[in-house]
Amino acid sequence: ILGLLAGSTATCLNNPLDVAKSRIQHMGLSRWSGGVILEVAASEGARGLCKGLPARLYRSAPGHGLLYMGYEFFAGLLRKSL
């Protein structure tokens, strides 16, 4: 559960950068991503910076949970064998 929460938090914090990246790629811009983030925030507000967030969470949250679960499992095995 904690891995899922940590991964979801990271995805939420990273989403504005992903929105900027997608806009830069789609429009063929060669600008600084910070400027694109400010532009989106000014024109669309916080909603514009959160576009695509549900889809990213559905895709990444289960993977983060499994990643941390696998890490803990194998770390436990290594601790027992050492």
Protein backbone atom coordinates (compact mmCIF):
# COMPACT_ATOMS: atom_id res chain seq x y z
CA ILE A 1 0.00 0.00 0.00
CA LEU A 2 2.78 2.44 0.85
CA GLY A 3 4.49 1.84 -2.48
CA LEU A 4 1.26 2.62 -4.28
CA LEU A 5 0.85 5.84 -2.27
CA ALA A 6 4.46 6.89 -2.83
CA GLY A 7 4.24 6.25 -6.55
CA SER A 8 0.92 8.07 -6.80
CA THR A 9 2.35 11.07 -4.97
CA ALA A 10 5.34 11.17 -7.30
CA THR A 11 3.03 10.97 -10.32
CA CYS A 12 0.89 13.83 -9.03
CA LEU A 13 3.92 16.03 -8.41
CA ASN A 14 5.41 15.18 -11.80
CA ASN A 15 2.22 15.75 -13.81
CA PRO A 16 2.72 19.48 -14.57
CA LEU A 17 6.09 18.64 -16.15
CA ASP A 18 4.45 15.89 -18.19
CA VAL A 19 1.76 18.31 -19.40
CA ALA A 20 4.48 20.76 -20.45
CA LYS A 21 6.44 18.00 -22.22
CA SER A 22 3.36 16.86 -24.10
CA ARG A 23 2.53 20.41 -25.21
CA ILE A 24 6.10 21.06 -26.32
CA GLN A 25 6.13 17.83 -28.34
CA HIS A 26 2.66 18.34 -29.82
CA MET A 27 3.21 21.96 -30.85
CA GLY A 28 6.82 21.51 -31.92
CA LEU A 29 8.02 24.21 -29.56
CA SER A 30 11.62 24.66 -28.50
CA ARG A 31 10.94 26.48 -25.25
CA TRP A 32 11.80 26.04 -21.61
CA SER A 33 9.25 23.79 -19.88
CA GLY A 34 8.91 26.23 -16.97
CA GLY A 35 7.60 28.87 -19.35
CA VAL A 36 5.06 26.43 -20.76
CA ILE A 37 3.93 25.51 -17.23
CA LEU A 38 3.43 29.19 -16.37
CA GLU A 39 1.54 29.76 -19.61
CA VAL A 40 -0.78 26.79 -18.98
CA ALA A 41 -1.34 27.88 -15.37
CA ALA A 42 -2.20 31.42 -16.48
CA SER A 43 -4.56 30.39 -19.27
CA GLU A 44 -6.18 27.22 -17.86
CA GLY A 45 -5.40 27.32 -14.15
CA ALA A 46 -4.65 24.29 -12.02
CA ARG A 47 -7.03 22.17 -14.10
CA GLY A 48 -4.77 22.60 -17.11
CA LEU A 49 -1.78 21.32 -15.16
CA CYS A 50 -3.74 18.25 -14.04
CA LYS A 51 -4.81 17.10 -17.50
CA GLY A 52 -4.22 13.40 -17.99
CA LEU A 53 -3.61 12.76 -14.30
CA PRO A 54 -6.28 10.05 -13.83
CA ALA A 55 -4.95 8.06 -16.79
CA ARG A 56 -1.37 8.35 -15.52
CA LEU A 57 -2.43 7.23 -12.03
CA TYR A 58 -4.35 4.23 -13.37
CA ARG A 59 -1.31 3.23 -15.38
CA SER A 60 1.48 3.84 -12.87
CA ALA A 61 0.04 3.30 -9.37
CA PRO A 62 -0.30 -0.51 -9.59
CA GLY A 63 3.21 -0.76 -11.01
CA HIS A 64 4.68 1.27 -8.16
CA GLY A 65 2.86 -0.92 -5.64
CA LEU A 66 4.24 -4.08 -7.24
CA LEU A 67 7.72 -2.61 -7.47
CA TYR A 68 7.90 -1.83 -3.76
CA MET A 69 6.31 -5.15 -2.84
CA GLY A 70 8.91 -7.00 -4.92
CA TYR A 71 11.70 -4.95 -3.41
CA GLU A 72 10.60 -5.75 0.14
CA PHE A 73 10.19 -9.42 -0.71
CA PHE A 74 13.67 -9.82 -2.19
CA ALA A 75 15.29 -7.61 0.46
CA GLY A 76 13.80 -9.93 3.09
CA LEU A 77 15.21 -12.97 1.30
CA LEU A 78 18.65 -11.39 1.14
CA ARG A 79 18.54 -10.46 4.83
CA LYS A 80 17.72 -14.06 5.76
CA SER A 81 20.50 -15.49 3.61
CA LEU A 82 23.18 -13.16 4.94
